[in-house]
Amino acid sequence: MASLPLSASAADAVATVSKNMVAVNEPFQLTLSINDSIDTDDLDLIPLAENFTYGRPSVSNSTSIINGDMTRKTEIRVAVAAKAIGVFTIPSFQIEDYATQPIRINVVEASQRAKQADDQSIQVNVRLDRQSGYIGETFTYNVELLIGTRVDSPALQAPFGDGLTVEQIGEDQQAETVRNGRRYIAIQRQYQITPNQAGELRLNGAVFTGTKVDGNRWNSTLGLPISRQAKAETLSIKGQPAEYTGLWLPTPSLSLSQRWEPDVSDVAGSAEQAAKVGDPITRFIALRIENIAQSAMPNLSVTYPSRVRVYSEKPEYRQDGDATIMTMKQVIIPREVGDVSLPSVSINWFNTTTGKQETSAISGLTLKVAPNDEVQSTQPILPNNEQALLTPAPVTTKVITHAGYWPWATGAFALLWLVTLALYLRKPKQVAIPANVAVSSLHSSTSALSALEAAATENDAVNVAATYRQWQQETHFNAVPQALRDSIDAEISTMMASRYSAESTPWENRTLLGLLKQARAVKVNAKEASSLKGLVP
């Protein structure tokens, strides 16, 4: 809080005084402010004469234009003094179509005026929502600070007490107000009080401190320090009942609700929902608890079956009066065909109104998961030219009836063949791998991986989830090192979270495609190593 001067109110017609407590014959100022241009000749001050003396009124008029809107204001100032000791009322004044509120003035003897502090200039008003409760159940403590004079270095200290945790809730609310004819800056602040032990606990009131500034804005001096403390309160706190089980949640009201997307509420009496592999289903869970601090809100941990992949966002919290509301969002993606049961959620809590333990729950959902037509399973198909390689060529036999020069040529070729055979036998033995076997094996080991790479290239999260599941079912998936598999799984999870998160965080497929390229290299090398095993001398 900085130094707090006072400014005009925005009401149509307001009567204010410079002091509410005065001595006999001590002058003070009465001001009538009207947000209009009026004829001041209609003002009748005679009703003041019964208990007060007054001087000649001073009138000022002003006009302002803000953003094309013209406003006019009239102020009438009158010096007033009380005639006798007692409590008197400045009456309401009627000026054209406007009327002011009456003001109560406390008049004391001149000798007592200096001894009595002006307690009305600074006020600390508090309101506690109740006086009794349970351990862990929060209390709401509202503070209204009224400042009717200029102060320097104002500060408001929170209430305090042994066995109590005090926390400010929200931001200060500041406005201008008129109370009993006196202008104030009103500051509203709210605290949450949480007892952590049973018994009669003393709550000491909030404390305001500052230094009063005397004089005006052009010639001011610092006066004496001032302090105001709100009254103390006593809280009667009960402990947790011995028969209570589960997380301790004392509250007069707890509600647990959920919402599904796609919406299933229109299926009367049905706990089933049709779904497809890879298509997301979103579950929104809301928990609303009164008189519970955010730090004491339960952690809703839901265990889902392995046949679905779940992406949970961080819970969000907000205050709604005395209640704390927690909302959760979970994106659920089926991984395989069949019936999948999504679990229900239940919470035990203690009803402080009835003094009994209760349970609130939301139902689960059975998914009827069907294949996704958009995700096609690629099966290895052997090309026609590879089929031809598996069929032996026909053998043609030709009978020679006349030898001619062929016996001599045959002998020469036979000699050359023997020399070539001798050289061949001196080289290490090698076994040729049939081309059709290598191509078929490689094709079957990379079909699912190729589909996964294509889905990642197109940033298609649905197909990525489905094809990744297919690749995991391939026997060759186990040939990939565990560290590389973990990196791929983490990157796919990041992709899914970026798509289904409310924050819509950006994601690039470059890292995932690089990891899949490494996996492809590992698979090819592993297949070649398997084919050549035992052939190296």
Protein backbone atom coordinates (compact mmCIF):
# COMPACT_ATOMS: atom_id res chain seq x y z
CA MET A 1 0.00 0.00 0.00
CA ALA A 2 1.27 3.47 -0.90
CA SER A 3 0.27 6.81 0.55
CA LEU A 4 -3.52 6.99 0.18
CA PRO A 5 -5.15 10.38 -0.60
CA LEU A 6 -8.90 10.73 -0.98
CA SER A 7 -10.80 11.63 -4.15
CA ALA A 8 -14.39 12.37 -5.14
CA SER A 9 -17.17 9.82 -5.26
CA ALA A 10 -19.08 9.06 -8.43
CA ALA A 11 -22.59 9.11 -6.83
CA ASP A 12 -25.20 11.51 -8.23
CA ALA A 13 -25.64 13.51 -4.99
CA VAL A 14 -23.49 13.00 -1.89
CA ALA A 15 -23.18 14.94 1.37
CA THR A 16 -19.85 14.59 3.23
CA VAL A 17 -18.18 16.17 6.28
CA SER A 18 -14.54 16.69 7.14
CA LYS A 19 -15.07 15.27 10.66
CA ASN A 20 -17.59 13.07 12.44
CA MET A 21 -16.35 13.91 15.97
CA VAL A 22 -16.07 17.60 16.86
CA ALA A 23 -16.00 19.87 19.89
CA VAL A 24 -18.65 22.43 20.68
CA ASN A 25 -18.27 25.43 18.34
CA GLU A 26 -15.45 23.69 16.45
CA PRO A 27 -15.92 24.41 12.75
CA PHE A 28 -15.97 21.62 10.20
CA GLN A 29 -16.83 21.53 6.50
CA LEU A 30 -20.04 20.20 4.96
CA THR A 31 -19.78 19.47 1.22
CA LEU A 32 -22.67 18.71 -1.15
CA SER A 33 -21.53 17.18 -4.48
CA ILE A 34 -23.97 16.80 -7.39
CA ASN A 35 -22.98 15.30 -10.73
CA ASP A 36 -25.00 17.83 -12.70
CA SER A 37 -25.34 21.54 -13.30
CA ILE A 38 -28.07 22.82 -10.93
CA ASP A 39 -29.56 26.05 -9.65
CA THR A 40 -28.11 26.45 -6.16
CA ASP A 41 -30.77 28.99 -5.24
CA ASP A 42 -33.06 26.01 -4.56
CA LEU A 43 -30.80 24.84 -1.69
CA ASP A 44 -32.44 25.35 1.74
CA LEU A 45 -29.97 25.25 4.67
CA ILE A 46 -32.46 26.35 7.32
CA PRO A 47 -32.87 22.78 8.74
CA LEU A 48 -29.26 23.10 9.98
CA ALA A 49 -30.12 25.99 12.28
CA GLU A 50 -31.69 23.82 14.97
CA ASN A 51 -28.41 22.24 16.15
CA PHE A 52 -25.71 23.98 14.10
CA THR A 53 -24.52 27.37 13.08
CA TYR A 54 -23.36 27.79 9.47
CA GLY A 55 -21.77 30.29 7.15
CA ARG A 56 -22.36 31.48 3.59
CA PRO A 57 -22.21 28.62 1.01
CA SER A 58 -19.41 28.55 -1.57
CA VAL A 59 -20.39 27.17 -4.99
CA SER A 60 -18.13 25.79 -7.73
CA ASN A 61 -19.05 24.35 -11.13
CA SER A 62 -16.93 22.24 -13.48
CA THR A 63 -17.32 20.65 -16.91
CA SER A 64 -15.21 17.87 -18.42
CA ILE A 65 -15.22 16.05 -21.77
CA ILE A 66 -13.76 12.54 -21.87
CA ASN A 67 -13.91 10.53 -25.10
CA GLY A 68 -16.65 12.80 -26.38
CA ASP A 69 -18.81 12.45 -23.25
CA MET A 70 -19.55 15.69 -21.38
CA THR A 71 -20.07 15.68 -17.62
CA ARG A 72 -20.94 18.56 -15.31
CA LYS A 73 -20.43 18.79 -11.55
CA THR A 74 -21.58 21.20 -8.86
CA GLU A 75 -20.07 21.44 -5.35
CA ILE A 76 -21.44 23.46 -2.45
CA ARG A 77 -19.24 23.96 0.61
CA VAL A 78 -20.53 25.24 3.94
CA ALA A 79 -18.68 25.87 7.24
CA VAL A 80 -20.67 24.33 10.13
CA ALA A 81 -20.27 24.26 13.96
CA ALA A 82 -22.28 22.41 16.62
CA LYS A 83 -24.09 24.40 19.31
CA ALA A 84 -24.13 21.84 22.14
CA ILE A 85 -22.75 18.51 23.35
CA GLY A 86 -24.44 15.37 22.13
CA VAL A 87 -25.12 13.35 19.00
CA PHE A 88 -26.84 15.34 16.26
CA THR A 89 -27.85 14.68 12.66
CA ILE A 90 -27.22 16.80 9.61
CA PRO A 91 -30.46 16.36 7.70
CA SER A 92 -30.97 15.24 4.12
CA PHE A 93 -31.00 18.04 1.53
CA GLN A 94 -33.27 18.15 -1.53
CA ILE A 95 -31.77 19.94 -4.55
CA GLU A 96 -33.95 19.82 -7.67
CA ASP A 97 -34.29 16.08 -8.41
CA TYR A 98 -31.41 15.03 -6.12
CA ALA A 99 -31.37 14.14 -2.41
CA THR A 100 -28.50 13.47 0.00
CA GLN A 101 -28.26 11.07 2.96
CA PRO A 102 -28.32 12.33 6.61
CA ILE A 103 -25.05 12.36 8.62
CA ARG A 104 -24.58 11.68 12.35
CA ILE A 105 -22.19 14.01 14.24
CA ASN A 106 -20.74 13.27 17.69
CA VAL A 107 -20.16 16.52 19.66
CA VAL A 108 -17.96 16.54 22.84
CA GLU A 109 -16.57 19.17 25.19
CA ALA A 110 -13.61 21.16 23.89
CA SER A 111 -11.42 19.92 26.78
CA GLN A 112 -12.14 16.30 25.89
CA ARG A 113 -11.75 16.70 22.12
CA ALA A 114 -7.93 16.62 22.22
CA LYS A 115 -7.88 13.49 24.42
CA GLN A 116 -10.23 11.47 22.23
CA ALA A 117 -8.72 9.97 19.11
CA ASP A 118 -10.55 10.19 15.84
CA ASP A 119 -11.29 6.46 15.69
CA GLN A 120 -13.53 6.94 12.68
CA SER A 121 -10.68 8.04 10.38
CA ILE A 122 -9.25 4.49 10.20
CA GLN A 123 -11.51 1.46 10.61
CA VAL A 124 -10.74 -2.27 10.42
CA ASN A 125 -13.95 -4.27 10.08
CA VAL A 126 -13.80 -8.09 9.90
CA ARG A 127 -16.27 -10.90 9.31
CA LEU A 128 -15.66 -14.59 10.13
CA ASP A 129 -18.01 -17.03 8.33
CA ARG A 130 -18.48 -19.27 11.43
CA GLN A 131 -17.02 -20.07 14.84
CA SER A 132 -16.71 -23.89 14.83
CA GLY A 133 -15.48 -26.65 12.53
CA TYR A 134 -13.08 -29.58 12.11
CA ILE A 135 -9.33 -30.00 11.71
CA GLY A 136 -8.42 -29.24 8.09
CA GLU A 137 -11.68 -27.43 7.36
CA THR A 138 -11.05 -23.86 6.24
CA PHE A 139 -12.68 -20.70 7.60
CA THR A 140 -13.20 -17.55 5.57
CA TYR A 141 -12.00 -14.30 7.18
CA ASN A 142 -12.98 -11.08 5.36
CA VAL A 143 -11.31 -7.77 6.21
CA GLU A 144 -12.67 -4.35 5.23
CA LEU A 145 -10.16 -1.54 5.76
CA LEU A 146 -11.60 2.00 5.69
CA ILE A 147 -9.09 4.86 5.39
CA GLY A 148 -10.60 8.33 5.82
CA THR A 149 -7.45 10.41 6.20
CA ARG A 150 -4.08 10.72 4.49
CA VAL A 151 -1.58 8.13 5.71
CA ASP A 152 1.97 7.20 4.76
CA SER A 153 3.34 3.62 4.52
CA PRO A 154 0.02 1.89 5.26
CA ALA A 155 0.25 -1.88 5.94
CA LEU A 156 -2.27 -4.57 6.82
CA GLN A 157 -1.03 -7.56 8.83
CA ALA A 158 -2.86 -10.89 8.48
CA PRO A 159 -4.71 -12.44 11.45
CA PHE A 160 -2.69 -15.01 13.38
CA GLY A 161 -2.92 -17.65 16.09
CA ASP A 162 -1.32 -20.87 17.39
CA GLY A 163 -2.45 -24.01 15.58
CA LEU A 164 -3.75 -22.00 12.63
CA THR A 165 -2.52 -21.63 9.05
CA VAL A 166 -3.43 -18.31 7.44
CA GLU A 167 -3.31 -17.67 3.69
CA GLN A 168 -4.54 -14.71 1.65
CA ILE A 169 -6.97 -15.63 -1.13
CA GLY A 170 -7.08 -13.57 -4.32
CA GLU A 171 -6.12 -9.92 -4.76
CA ASP A 172 -7.17 -6.83 -2.81
CA GLN A 173 -10.28 -5.03 -4.03
CA GLN A 174 -10.15 -1.22 -3.70
CA ALA A 175 -12.94 1.32 -4.16
CA GLU A 176 -14.17 4.65 -2.80
CA THR A 177 -17.16 4.88 -0.49
CA VAL A 178 -19.04 7.26 1.81
CA ARG A 179 -19.94 6.05 5.28
CA ASN A 180 -21.98 8.32 7.58
CA GLY A 181 -21.04 11.33 5.51
CA ARG A 182 -17.31 10.60 5.48
CA ARG A 183 -15.25 9.67 2.44
CA TYR A 184 -13.11 6.55 2.68
CA ILE A 185 -10.91 4.41 0.54
CA ALA A 186 -12.30 0.90 1.15
CA ILE A 187 -9.92 -2.06 0.75
CA GLN A 188 -11.38 -5.57 0.82
CA ARG A 189 -9.12 -8.55 1.56
CA GLN A 190 -9.94 -12.23 2.15
CA TYR A 191 -8.01 -14.80 4.18
CA GLN A 192 -8.36 -18.57 4.47
CA ILE A 193 -7.88 -19.90 8.02
CA THR A 194 -7.08 -23.63 8.38
CA PRO A 195 -6.83 -25.18 11.89
CA ASN A 196 -4.34 -28.04 12.28
CA GLN A 197 -5.17 -29.02 15.84
CA ALA A 198 -8.32 -29.56 17.88
CA GLY A 199 -9.51 -27.43 20.81
CA GLU A 200 -10.37 -23.81 21.51
CA LEU A 201 -8.05 -21.76 19.30
CA ARG A 202 -7.62 -17.99 19.56
CA LEU A 203 -7.54 -16.05 16.30
CA ASN A 204 -5.98 -12.61 16.78
CA GLY A 205 -7.46 -9.93 14.54
CA ALA A 206 -5.84 -8.27 11.53
CA VAL A 207 -3.71 -5.20 12.31
CA PHE A 208 -3.40 -1.96 10.32
CA THR A 209 -0.37 0.31 10.81
CA GLY A 210 0.69 3.59 9.19
CA THR A 211 1.60 7.19 9.82
CA LYS A 212 -0.96 9.97 9.64
CA VAL A 213 -0.12 12.84 7.27
CA ASP A 214 -1.18 16.29 8.57
CA GLY A 215 -1.75 19.31 6.35
CA ASN A 216 -2.54 19.41 2.63
CA ARG A 217 -0.76 18.09 -0.43
CA TRP A 218 1.37 21.24 -0.81
CA ASN A 219 2.39 21.61 2.84
CA SER A 220 2.19 18.31 4.70
CA THR A 221 4.07 16.92 7.68
CA LEU A 222 4.17 13.40 9.11
CA GLY A 223 2.23 12.98 12.30
CA LEU A 224 2.16 10.23 14.90
CA PRO A 225 2.05 6.54 13.96
CA ILE A 226 -1.43 5.02 14.07
CA SER A 227 -2.50 1.42 14.60
CA ARG A 228 -5.84 -0.38 14.49
CA GLN A 229 -6.47 -4.04 15.31
CA ALA A 230 -9.64 -5.99 14.70
CA LYS A 231 -11.22 -7.91 17.55
CA ALA A 232 -10.00 -11.42 18.37
CA GLU A 233 -12.11 -14.52 17.69
CA THR A 234 -12.27 -17.98 19.30
CA LEU A 235 -12.56 -21.07 17.09
CA SER A 236 -13.97 -24.35 18.44
CA ILE A 237 -12.23 -27.11 16.48
CA LYS A 238 -13.15 -30.83 16.53
CA GLY A 239 -10.78 -33.67 15.67
CA GLN A 240 -11.14 -36.44 13.07
CA PRO A 241 -13.56 -39.20 14.18
CA ALA A 242 -11.83 -42.48 15.01
CA GLU A 243 -14.14 -44.52 12.74
CA TYR A 244 -13.39 -42.44 9.63
CA THR A 245 -11.37 -44.21 6.90
CA GLY A 246 -9.58 -42.82 3.85
CA LEU A 247 -8.20 -39.38 3.07
CA TRP A 248 -9.53 -36.84 5.58
CA LEU A 249 -11.79 -34.39 3.71
CA PRO A 250 -14.07 -32.44 6.11
CA THR A 251 -16.56 -30.34 4.15
CA PRO A 252 -20.27 -29.48 4.12
CA SER A 253 -20.43 -30.10 0.36
CA LEU A 254 -18.48 -32.19 -2.17
CA SER A 255 -19.46 -32.85 -5.77
CA LEU A 256 -17.66 -35.07 -8.30
CA SER A 257 -18.74 -34.90 -11.94
CA GLN A 258 -17.49 -35.82 -15.40
CA ARG A 259 -18.07 -35.16 -19.07
CA TRP A 260 -17.09 -37.22 -22.12
CA GLU A 261 -16.21 -36.14 -25.64
CA PRO A 262 -17.76 -37.49 -27.79
CA ASP A 263 -20.79 -36.95 -25.53
CA VAL A 264 -22.37 -40.13 -24.15
CA SER A 265 -25.01 -38.47 -21.96
CA ASP A 266 -27.73 -39.00 -24.57
CA VAL A 267 -27.41 -42.80 -24.30
CA ALA A 268 -29.98 -43.40 -21.56
CA GLY A 269 -29.00 -46.12 -19.12
CA SER A 270 -26.03 -47.18 -21.22
CA ALA A 271 -22.43 -47.36 -20.06
CA GLU A 272 -21.09 -48.26 -23.49
CA GLN A 273 -19.60 -46.18 -26.27
CA ALA A 274 -18.52 -47.13 -29.78
CA ALA A 275 -14.94 -46.24 -30.65
CA LYS A 276 -12.22 -47.02 -33.19
CA VAL A 277 -8.56 -47.84 -32.81
CA GLY A 278 -6.55 -44.62 -32.65
CA ASP A 279 -9.55 -42.28 -32.28
CA PRO A 280 -9.25 -40.10 -29.14
CA ILE A 281 -11.89 -39.99 -26.38
CA THR A 282 -11.64 -37.12 -23.88
CA ARG A 283 -12.67 -37.37 -20.23
CA PHE A 284 -13.20 -34.20 -18.19
CA ILE A 285 -13.39 -34.64 -14.39
CA ALA A 286 -14.45 -31.82 -12.03
CA LEU A 287 -14.14 -31.91 -8.23
CA ARG A 288 -15.74 -29.12 -6.15
CA ILE A 289 -15.16 -29.03 -2.36
CA GLU A 290 -16.26 -26.31 0.06
CA ASN A 291 -14.04 -25.14 2.94
CA ILE A 292 -10.95 -27.02 1.75
CA ALA A 293 -7.64 -25.37 0.85
CA GLN A 294 -6.10 -26.10 -2.55
CA SER A 295 -3.12 -27.76 -0.87
CA ALA A 296 -5.51 -30.28 0.77
CA MET A 297 -7.34 -31.23 -2.44
CA PRO A 298 -7.04 -34.97 -3.21
CA ASN A 299 -4.93 -36.28 -6.08
CA LEU A 300 -7.26 -38.16 -8.42
CA SER A 301 -5.06 -41.00 -9.69
CA VAL A 302 -6.96 -43.15 -12.19
CA THR A 303 -5.42 -46.45 -13.35
CA TYR A 304 -6.38 -47.33 -16.92
CA PRO A 305 -5.94 -50.71 -18.69
CA SER A 306 -2.90 -51.23 -20.93
CA ARG A 307 -5.15 -51.55 -23.99
CA VAL A 308 -5.49 -47.76 -24.09
CA ARG A 309 -2.94 -44.98 -24.12
CA VAL A 310 -3.75 -42.07 -21.76
CA TYR A 311 -2.46 -38.48 -21.84
CA SER A 312 -3.34 -36.52 -18.69
CA GLU A 313 -3.02 -32.75 -18.37
CA LYS A 314 -1.95 -31.03 -15.17
CA PRO A 315 -4.99 -30.32 -12.92
CA GLU A 316 -6.27 -26.75 -12.84
CA TYR A 317 -7.57 -25.02 -9.69
CA ARG A 318 -9.79 -22.02 -9.06
CA GLN A 319 -11.81 -20.47 -6.23
CA ASP A 320 -15.58 -20.07 -6.32
CA GLY A 321 -16.52 -18.30 -3.11
CA ASP A 322 -15.76 -20.71 -0.25
CA ALA A 323 -15.24 -23.65 -2.64
CA THR A 324 -12.10 -24.91 -4.37
CA ILE A 325 -12.65 -26.43 -7.82
CA MET A 326 -10.20 -28.82 -9.49
CA THR A 327 -10.61 -29.84 -13.14
CA MET A 328 -8.75 -32.60 -14.99
CA LYS A 329 -8.56 -33.49 -18.69
CA GLN A 330 -7.54 -36.94 -19.92
CA VAL A 331 -7.24 -38.01 -23.58
CA ILE A 332 -7.78 -41.76 -24.00
CA ILE A 333 -6.74 -43.52 -27.24
CA PRO A 334 -7.72 -47.18 -27.82
CA ARG A 335 -4.79 -49.29 -28.99
CA GLU A 336 -6.52 -52.49 -30.12
CA VAL A 337 -9.87 -53.95 -31.14
CA GLY A 338 -12.27 -55.30 -28.50
CA ASP A 339 -14.12 -54.26 -25.34
CA VAL A 340 -12.19 -51.96 -22.99
CA SER A 341 -13.52 -51.00 -19.53
CA LEU A 342 -12.56 -47.51 -18.39
CA PRO A 343 -12.58 -47.33 -14.56
CA SER A 344 -14.95 -45.45 -12.28
CA VAL A 345 -13.69 -42.93 -9.68
CA SER A 346 -14.84 -42.58 -6.05
CA ILE A 347 -13.89 -40.30 -3.13
CA ASN A 348 -14.57 -40.72 0.61
CA TRP A 349 -15.33 -37.51 2.53
CA PHE A 350 -16.71 -36.37 5.88
CA ASN A 351 -19.94 -34.38 5.83
CA THR A 352 -19.50 -31.73 8.54
CA THR A 353 -23.21 -30.89 8.42
CA THR A 354 -24.47 -34.43 9.15
CA GLY A 355 -21.35 -35.65 10.96
CA LYS A 356 -21.20 -38.78 8.76
CA GLN A 357 -18.81 -40.28 6.24
CA GLU A 358 -20.00 -40.25 2.63
CA THR A 359 -18.77 -41.42 -0.77
CA SER A 360 -19.11 -39.62 -4.09
CA ALA A 361 -18.41 -41.43 -7.35
CA ILE A 362 -18.53 -41.15 -11.14
CA SER A 363 -19.16 -44.19 -13.33
CA GLY A 364 -16.77 -45.78 -15.78
CA LEU A 365 -17.36 -46.51 -19.45
CA THR A 366 -17.05 -49.59 -21.66
CA LEU A 367 -15.57 -48.90 -25.09
CA LYS A 368 -16.61 -51.09 -28.01
CA VAL A 369 -13.43 -50.67 -30.07
CA ALA A 370 -13.63 -51.46 -33.79
CA PRO A 371 -10.88 -51.38 -36.43
CA ASN A 372 -10.07 -48.01 -37.92
CA ASP A 373 -10.64 -47.99 -41.69
CA GLU A 374 -8.18 -45.14 -42.09
CA VAL A 375 -5.35 -47.28 -40.70
CA GLN A 376 -4.56 -50.09 -43.16
CA SER A 377 -2.39 -53.01 -42.20
CA THR A 378 0.23 -53.59 -44.87
CA GLN A 379 1.07 -57.26 -45.55
CA PRO A 380 4.21 -58.25 -47.47
CA ILE A 381 3.36 -59.18 -51.07
CA LEU A 382 5.90 -61.09 -53.17
CA PRO A 383 6.44 -59.41 -56.59
CA ASN A 384 5.86 -61.41 -59.79
CA ASN A 385 9.52 -61.35 -60.75
CA GLU A 386 10.38 -62.83 -57.35
CA GLN A 387 7.82 -65.59 -57.90
CA ALA A 388 9.62 -66.40 -61.17
CA LEU A 389 12.89 -66.83 -59.30
CA LEU A 390 11.36 -69.63 -57.23
CA THR A 391 10.36 -71.66 -60.37
CA PRO A 392 13.22 -73.72 -61.93
CA ALA A 393 13.77 -73.20 -65.67
CA PRO A 394 12.96 -76.19 -68.00
CA VAL A 395 15.92 -78.37 -69.11
CA THR A 396 16.32 -79.08 -72.88
CA THR A 397 18.32 -82.16 -74.01
CA LYS A 398 19.97 -82.27 -77.47
CA VAL A 399 21.40 -85.54 -78.98
CA ILE A 400 24.58 -85.27 -81.12
CA THR A 401 24.90 -87.98 -83.84
CA HIS A 402 28.12 -86.75 -85.51
CA ALA A 403 31.03 -85.63 -83.34
CA GLY A 404 33.28 -83.87 -85.96
CA TYR A 405 35.86 -81.57 -84.28
CA TRP A 406 33.87 -81.36 -81.03
CA PRO A 407 35.79 -84.10 -79.18
CA TRP A 408 39.04 -82.11 -79.53
CA ALA A 409 37.36 -78.87 -78.50
CA THR A 410 35.71 -80.60 -75.59
CA GLY A 411 39.04 -81.91 -74.37
CA ALA A 412 40.54 -78.43 -74.44
CA PHE A 413 37.64 -76.96 -72.55
CA ALA A 414 37.82 -79.78 -70.02
CA LEU A 415 41.47 -79.01 -69.36
CA LEU A 416 40.72 -75.33 -68.84
CA TRP A 417 37.84 -76.27 -66.55
CA LEU A 418 40.10 -78.44 -64.40
CA VAL A 419 42.57 -75.56 -64.03
CA THR A 420 39.75 -73.20 -63.06
CA LEU A 421 38.38 -75.71 -60.58
CA ALA A 422 41.75 -76.08 -58.92
CA LEU A 423 42.05 -72.30 -58.48
CA TYR A 424 38.49 -72.10 -57.14
CA LEU A 425 39.11 -74.82 -54.54
CA ARG A 426 42.06 -72.82 -53.19
CA LYS A 427 39.73 -69.79 -52.40
CA PRO A 428 37.54 -69.53 -49.22
CA LYS A 429 34.09 -70.99 -49.61
CA GLN A 430 31.15 -68.54 -50.00
CA VAL A 431 27.49 -69.25 -50.05
CA ALA A 432 25.23 -67.04 -52.16
CA ILE A 433 22.06 -65.76 -50.56
CA PRO A 434 19.05 -66.24 -52.81
CA ALA A 435 17.78 -62.82 -53.84
CA ASN A 436 14.17 -63.79 -53.36
CA VAL A 437 14.72 -64.87 -49.74
CA ALA A 438 16.54 -61.62 -48.77
CA VAL A 439 13.94 -59.36 -50.36
CA SER A 440 11.00 -61.21 -48.84
CA SER A 441 12.52 -61.21 -45.35
CA LEU A 442 13.44 -57.51 -45.47
CA HIS A 443 10.05 -56.54 -46.82
CA SER A 444 8.16 -58.32 -44.06
CA SER A 445 10.35 -56.79 -41.35
CA THR A 446 9.90 -53.17 -42.47
CA SER A 447 6.25 -52.97 -43.59
CA ALA A 448 4.86 -51.72 -40.25
CA LEU A 449 7.88 -49.45 -39.75
CA SER A 450 7.34 -47.94 -43.21
CA ALA A 451 3.70 -47.23 -42.37
CA LEU A 452 4.79 -45.60 -39.10
CA GLU A 453 7.31 -43.43 -40.92
CA ALA A 454 4.65 -42.35 -43.42
CA ALA A 455 2.21 -41.42 -40.63
CA ALA A 456 4.92 -39.46 -38.79
CA THR A 457 5.87 -37.62 -41.99
CA GLU A 458 2.24 -36.49 -42.39
CA ASN A 459 1.94 -35.57 -38.68
CA ASP A 460 -1.06 -37.91 -38.47
CA ALA A 461 -1.34 -38.64 -34.73
CA VAL A 462 -4.15 -41.17 -35.14
CA ASN A 463 -2.21 -43.28 -37.67
CA VAL A 464 1.00 -42.90 -35.65
CA ALA A 465 -0.71 -44.45 -32.63
CA ALA A 466 -2.13 -47.34 -34.69
CA THR A 467 0.95 -48.13 -36.80
CA TYR A 468 3.22 -47.84 -33.76
CA ARG A 469 1.11 -50.52 -32.10
CA GLN A 470 1.44 -52.73 -35.19
CA TRP A 471 5.20 -52.31 -35.27
CA GLN A 472 5.43 -53.26 -31.59
CA GLN A 473 3.75 -56.57 -32.44
CA GLU A 474 6.39 -57.38 -35.09
CA THR A 475 9.04 -59.87 -33.97
CA HIS A 476 11.73 -57.61 -35.41
CA PHE A 477 10.75 -54.81 -32.99
CA ASN A 478 12.66 -56.64 -30.26
CA ALA A 479 15.88 -56.34 -32.31
CA VAL A 480 15.90 -52.58 -31.70
CA PRO A 481 18.00 -51.63 -28.64
CA GLN A 482 15.94 -50.82 -25.54
CA ALA A 483 17.35 -47.28 -25.26
CA LEU A 484 16.29 -46.50 -28.83
CA ARG A 485 12.81 -47.97 -28.23
CA ASP A 486 12.41 -45.82 -25.12
CA SER A 487 13.38 -42.69 -27.08
CA ILE A 488 10.85 -43.50 -29.82
CA ASP A 489 8.10 -44.14 -27.25
CA ALA A 490 8.85 -40.85 -25.46
CA GLU A 491 8.81 -38.87 -28.72
CA ILE A 492 5.48 -40.40 -29.77
CA SER A 493 4.06 -39.53 -26.35
CA THR A 494 5.25 -35.94 -26.85
CA MET A 495 3.53 -35.86 -30.24
CA MET A 496 0.26 -37.10 -28.75
CA ALA A 497 0.41 -34.64 -25.87
CA SER A 498 1.03 -31.75 -28.28
CA ARG A 499 -2.07 -32.68 -30.25
CA TYR A 500 -4.52 -33.40 -27.45
CA SER A 501 -3.27 -30.90 -24.86
CA ALA A 502 -5.42 -27.78 -24.27
CA GLU A 503 -2.27 -25.67 -24.54
CA SER A 504 -1.61 -26.95 -28.12
CA THR A 505 2.17 -26.97 -27.79
CA PRO A 506 4.06 -27.14 -31.11
CA TRP A 507 5.75 -30.37 -32.20
CA GLU A 508 8.06 -31.22 -35.12
CA ASN A 509 8.44 -34.69 -36.61
CA ARG A 510 12.16 -34.31 -37.34
CA THR A 511 13.33 -36.03 -34.14
CA LEU A 512 10.89 -38.94 -34.47
CA LEU A 513 11.80 -39.55 -38.12
CA GLY A 514 15.49 -39.57 -37.18
CA LEU A 515 14.87 -42.17 -34.47
CA LEU A 516 12.84 -44.34 -36.87
CA LYS A 517 15.68 -44.12 -39.40
CA GLN A 518 18.06 -45.45 -36.76
CA ALA A 519 15.60 -48.27 -36.02
CA ARG A 520 15.42 -49.17 -39.70
CA ALA A 521 19.21 -49.38 -39.89
CA VAL A 522 19.32 -51.62 -36.84
CA LYS A 523 16.68 -53.93 -38.33
CA VAL A 524 18.52 -54.28 -41.68
CA ASN A 525 21.84 -54.97 -39.98
CA ALA A 526 20.24 -57.48 -37.68
CA LYS A 527 18.69 -59.35 -40.65
CA GLU A 528 21.97 -59.44 -42.58
CA ALA A 529 23.81 -60.70 -39.53
CA SER A 530 21.22 -63.47 -39.15
CA SER A 531 21.61 -64.54 -42.81
CA LEU A 532 25.43 -64.65 -42.72
CA LYS A 533 25.75 -66.30 -39.34
CA GLY A 534 28.34 -69.09 -39.41
CA LEU A 535 29.59 -68.30 -42.92
CA VAL A 536 32.64 -66.31 -41.88
CA PRO A 537 35.69 -68.59 -41.31
